[in-house]
Amino acid sequence: MLRIGVLVSGSGSNLQSIMDACERGDIDGTVAVVISNTADAYALKRAEKKSIPTVVVPHDAYPDRESFDRELIRVLKEYEVDLVALAGFMRVLTSGFLKEFPGRVINIHPALLPSFPGLGVRQKAIDHGVRFSGCTVHFVDDGVDTGPIIIQAVVPVYPDDSEEELKERILALEHKIYPKAIQLIAQGRLEIIGRRVFIRDLKKDESPCLVNPPLDV
């Protein structure tokens, strides 16, 4: 069983999807610990309702990123974590952290990487006038949202969308693809070659491509 450590900073809806998937058996694993850098993160309450251990590591209690990350590493190793999943964790991890968990740190991003990395990306997609956006689960590397891509999901973007409307549309798919990505890791089906992630026994979807606006408008 894969032991998952989840790092959070906010409401934790993706954490909820991971915990629920573990309970259903959709992930061959368990959430071993939830760590937040903010004491008032609602994600902690979600974990407590599931009787999952929680730890608060306030980033402002440490003089630099390296010492903060060392404490994260200590806690994760104390709970014998196999995989680190970032779920709305609003801190950039150091290379020292990543070296302790090589190829075992993943993140979900509310855009179709490599387009729109960083913050505020849903509004950026709307402002740019793209017809599609979505979400991406990727391995974390030393860059910002630059690691190898595991899985993506696509949603349409409409000219009159508000940021909140697009957020909800994307979030519904985040809750589906993040557990799926973790299960692929639990099953040992992923291999990283260069920048590409290959999935063993992948079934290809031959359905037609999406077009927005539709061709028959």
Protein backbone atom coordinates (compact mmCIF):
# COMPACT_ATOMS: atom_id res chain seq x y z
CA MET A 1 0.00 0.00 0.00
CA LEU A 2 1.30 3.40 -1.02
CA ARG A 3 1.77 5.76 1.92
CA ILE A 4 0.90 9.30 0.83
CA GLY A 5 1.89 12.52 2.53
CA VAL A 6 -0.23 15.48 1.44
CA LEU A 7 0.99 19.08 1.76
CA VAL A 8 -1.76 21.70 1.95
CA SER A 9 -2.30 25.39 2.59
CA GLY A 10 -6.02 25.99 2.08
CA SER A 11 -9.44 24.37 1.79
CA GLY A 12 -8.20 20.95 0.72
CA SER A 13 -10.79 19.87 -1.85
CA ASN A 14 -8.14 17.87 -3.72
CA LEU A 15 -7.07 16.31 -0.43
CA GLN A 16 -10.69 15.27 0.03
CA SER A 17 -10.76 13.62 -3.38
CA ILE A 18 -7.59 11.68 -2.55
CA MET A 19 -8.85 10.53 0.84
CA ASP A 20 -12.21 9.50 -0.64
CA ALA A 21 -10.50 7.59 -3.45
CA CYS A 22 -8.38 5.70 -0.92
CA GLU A 23 -11.53 4.77 1.03
CA ARG A 24 -13.28 3.54 -2.14
CA GLY A 25 -10.29 1.44 -3.13
CA ASP A 26 -9.63 3.55 -6.23
CA ILE A 27 -6.14 4.19 -4.87
CA ASP A 28 -4.06 1.29 -3.57
CA GLY A 29 -2.81 3.41 -0.73
CA THR A 30 -3.57 5.52 2.29
CA VAL A 31 -3.01 9.10 3.37
CA ALA A 32 -0.42 8.72 6.13
CA VAL A 33 -0.18 12.38 7.15
CA VAL A 34 -1.44 15.83 6.13
CA ILE A 35 0.94 18.74 6.67
CA SER A 36 -0.06 22.41 6.44
CA ASN A 37 2.03 25.55 6.61
CA THR A 38 -1.03 27.42 7.93
CA ALA A 39 -2.80 26.49 11.16
CA ASP A 40 -6.24 27.61 9.97
CA ALA A 41 -6.30 25.59 6.73
CA TYR A 42 -9.69 23.89 6.40
CA ALA A 43 -7.85 20.93 4.87
CA LEU A 44 -6.72 20.00 8.39
CA LYS A 45 -10.33 19.64 9.51
CA ARG A 46 -11.04 17.42 6.51
CA ALA A 47 -8.18 15.13 7.54
CA GLU A 48 -9.20 15.10 11.20
CA LYS A 49 -12.71 13.96 10.22
CA LYS A 50 -11.04 10.93 8.60
CA SER A 51 -8.82 10.34 11.68
CA ILE A 52 -5.72 11.06 9.60
CA PRO A 53 -2.74 12.55 11.46
CA THR A 54 -2.16 16.27 10.85
CA VAL A 55 0.89 18.42 11.47
CA VAL A 56 1.25 22.20 11.21
CA VAL A 57 4.68 23.47 10.12
CA PRO A 58 4.36 27.28 9.96
CA HIS A 59 6.78 28.57 7.34
CA ASP A 60 7.19 31.92 9.13
CA ALA A 61 8.66 30.13 12.14
CA TYR A 62 11.79 29.26 10.15
CA PRO A 63 14.57 31.63 9.05
CA ASP A 64 14.76 30.34 5.49
CA ARG A 65 13.23 27.91 2.99
CA GLU A 66 15.90 25.30 3.59
CA SER A 67 15.23 24.97 7.33
CA PHE A 68 11.47 24.92 6.70
CA ASP A 69 11.90 22.15 4.15
CA ARG A 70 14.11 20.16 6.52
CA GLU A 71 11.26 20.08 9.02
CA LEU A 72 8.85 18.93 6.30
CA ILE A 73 11.29 16.16 5.40
CA ARG A 74 11.60 15.10 9.03
CA VAL A 75 7.83 14.80 9.47
CA LEU A 76 7.30 12.99 6.17
CA LYS A 77 10.02 10.47 7.01
CA GLU A 78 8.62 10.02 10.50
CA TYR A 79 5.37 8.86 8.86
CA GLU A 80 7.28 6.68 6.35
CA VAL A 81 5.76 8.40 3.33
CA ASP A 82 6.30 6.88 -0.13
CA LEU A 83 4.76 9.70 -2.18
CA VAL A 84 4.40 13.44 -1.52
CA ALA A 85 1.30 15.04 -3.09
CA LEU A 86 0.97 18.82 -3.14
CA ALA A 87 -2.68 19.88 -2.89
CA GLY A 88 -2.91 23.65 -2.92
CA PHE A 89 0.42 23.95 -1.10
CA MET A 90 1.48 27.57 -1.54
CA ARG A 91 5.22 27.17 -1.04
CA VAL A 92 7.98 26.43 -3.54
CA LEU A 93 10.03 23.43 -2.45
CA THR A 94 13.83 23.54 -2.49
CA SER A 95 16.07 21.23 -4.48
CA GLY A 96 17.19 19.78 -1.15
CA PHE A 97 13.65 18.63 -0.44
CA LEU A 98 13.27 17.08 -3.90
CA LYS A 99 16.54 15.18 -3.53
CA GLU A 100 15.10 13.45 -0.45
CA PHE A 101 12.11 12.21 -2.49
CA PRO A 102 13.44 11.71 -6.04
CA GLY A 103 10.62 11.18 -8.52
CA ARG A 104 8.16 10.97 -5.63
CA VAL A 105 6.73 14.51 -5.45
CA ILE A 106 3.68 15.42 -7.55
CA ASN A 107 1.49 18.48 -7.93
CA ILE A 108 -1.80 19.49 -9.56
CA HIS A 109 -2.02 22.75 -11.51
CA PRO A 110 -5.21 24.45 -12.79
CA ALA A 111 -4.04 24.96 -16.37
CA LEU A 112 -2.77 22.95 -19.32
CA LEU A 113 0.97 23.08 -18.77
CA PRO A 114 3.33 24.22 -20.13
CA SER A 115 0.88 27.09 -20.76
CA PHE A 116 0.14 29.40 -17.83
CA PRO A 117 2.47 28.26 -15.03
CA GLY A 118 2.51 30.04 -11.68
CA LEU A 119 -0.38 31.83 -9.99
CA GLY A 120 -3.62 33.44 -11.18
CA VAL A 121 -3.70 31.16 -14.17
CA ARG A 122 -7.46 30.81 -14.64
CA GLN A 123 -7.90 34.55 -15.17
CA LYS A 124 -4.82 34.58 -17.39
CA ALA A 125 -6.42 31.91 -19.59
CA ILE A 126 -9.61 33.96 -19.84
CA ASP A 127 -7.72 37.19 -20.57
CA HIS A 128 -5.62 35.47 -23.23
CA GLY A 129 -8.76 34.30 -25.02
CA VAL A 130 -7.90 30.60 -25.15
CA ARG A 131 -10.73 28.25 -26.15
CA PHE A 132 -9.59 25.44 -23.85
CA SER A 133 -8.00 25.24 -20.44
CA GLY A 134 -7.91 22.47 -17.86
CA CYS A 135 -5.66 20.92 -15.26
CA THR A 136 -2.39 19.01 -15.10
CA VAL A 137 -0.87 16.53 -12.67
CA HIS A 138 2.91 16.57 -12.97
CA PHE A 139 6.06 15.51 -11.20
CA VAL A 140 7.74 18.36 -9.34
CA ASP A 141 11.22 19.46 -10.36
CA ASP A 142 13.41 22.47 -9.57
CA GLY A 143 11.34 24.78 -11.79
CA VAL A 144 7.88 26.25 -11.24
CA ASP A 145 5.29 23.93 -12.82
CA THR A 146 7.89 22.55 -15.23
CA GLY A 147 8.09 18.86 -14.28
CA PRO A 148 7.12 15.89 -16.48
CA ILE A 149 3.38 15.65 -17.10
CA ILE A 150 1.44 12.60 -15.88
CA ILE A 151 -2.17 13.37 -16.82
CA GLN A 152 -4.21 16.30 -18.11
CA ALA A 153 -7.91 17.11 -18.48
CA VAL A 154 -9.44 19.70 -20.79
CA VAL A 155 -12.42 22.05 -20.34
CA PRO A 156 -13.83 24.69 -22.70
CA VAL A 157 -13.35 28.36 -21.98
CA TYR A 158 -16.15 30.71 -23.03
CA PRO A 159 -15.69 34.43 -23.71
CA ASP A 160 -18.16 35.39 -20.98
CA ASP A 161 -16.68 33.10 -18.32
CA SER A 162 -15.89 34.54 -14.93
CA GLU A 163 -12.82 33.27 -13.12
CA GLU A 164 -15.09 31.51 -10.61
CA GLU A 165 -17.06 29.72 -13.35
CA LEU A 166 -13.87 28.47 -14.98
CA LYS A 167 -12.45 27.50 -11.58
CA GLU A 168 -15.44 25.28 -10.80
CA ARG A 169 -15.33 23.66 -14.23
CA ILE A 170 -11.65 22.85 -13.84
CA LEU A 171 -11.91 21.80 -10.18
CA ALA A 172 -14.44 19.09 -11.00
CA LEU A 173 -11.83 17.44 -13.23
CA GLU A 174 -8.97 18.00 -10.78
CA HIS A 175 -10.85 15.78 -8.34
CA LYS A 176 -10.91 13.00 -10.97
CA ILE A 177 -7.41 13.12 -12.41
CA TYR A 178 -5.39 13.58 -9.21
CA PRO A 179 -6.53 10.27 -7.67
CA LYS A 180 -6.00 8.59 -11.06
CA ALA A 181 -2.42 9.84 -11.25
CA ILE A 182 -1.71 8.57 -7.74
CA GLN A 183 -3.17 5.17 -8.59
CA LEU A 184 -0.93 4.90 -11.65
CA ILE A 185 2.03 5.51 -9.35
CA ALA A 186 0.72 3.00 -6.80
CA GLN A 187 0.46 0.41 -9.57
CA GLY A 188 4.03 1.07 -10.70
CA ARG A 189 2.85 1.87 -14.22
CA LEU A 190 4.80 5.09 -14.84
CA GLU A 191 8.24 5.55 -16.35
CA ILE A 192 9.92 8.91 -16.93
CA ILE A 193 12.13 9.11 -20.03
CA GLY A 194 13.50 12.61 -20.53
CA ARG A 195 10.51 14.93 -20.21
CA ARG A 196 7.96 12.27 -21.17
CA VAL A 197 5.98 10.05 -18.82
CA PHE A 198 5.11 6.67 -20.30
CA ILE A 199 2.21 4.61 -18.91
CA ARG A 200 2.39 0.84 -19.09
CA ASP A 201 -0.68 -0.86 -20.64
CA LEU A 202 -2.15 2.47 -21.71
CA LYS A 203 -5.50 2.24 -23.50
CA LYS A 204 -5.74 4.86 -26.22
CA ASP A 205 -8.93 6.89 -26.59
CA GLU A 206 -9.89 7.07 -30.27
CA SER A 207 -12.79 9.49 -29.73
CA PRO A 208 -12.90 12.68 -31.84
CA CYS A 209 -11.00 15.76 -30.79
CA LEU A 210 -12.81 18.63 -29.09
CA VAL A 211 -13.56 21.85 -30.96
CA ASN A 212 -14.62 25.11 -29.27
CA PRO A 213 -16.72 26.81 -30.54
CA PRO A 214 -18.33 23.74 -32.21
CA LEU A 215 -18.01 23.42 -35.98
CA ASP A 216 -21.80 23.46 -36.38
CA VAL A 217 -22.27 26.86 -34.69
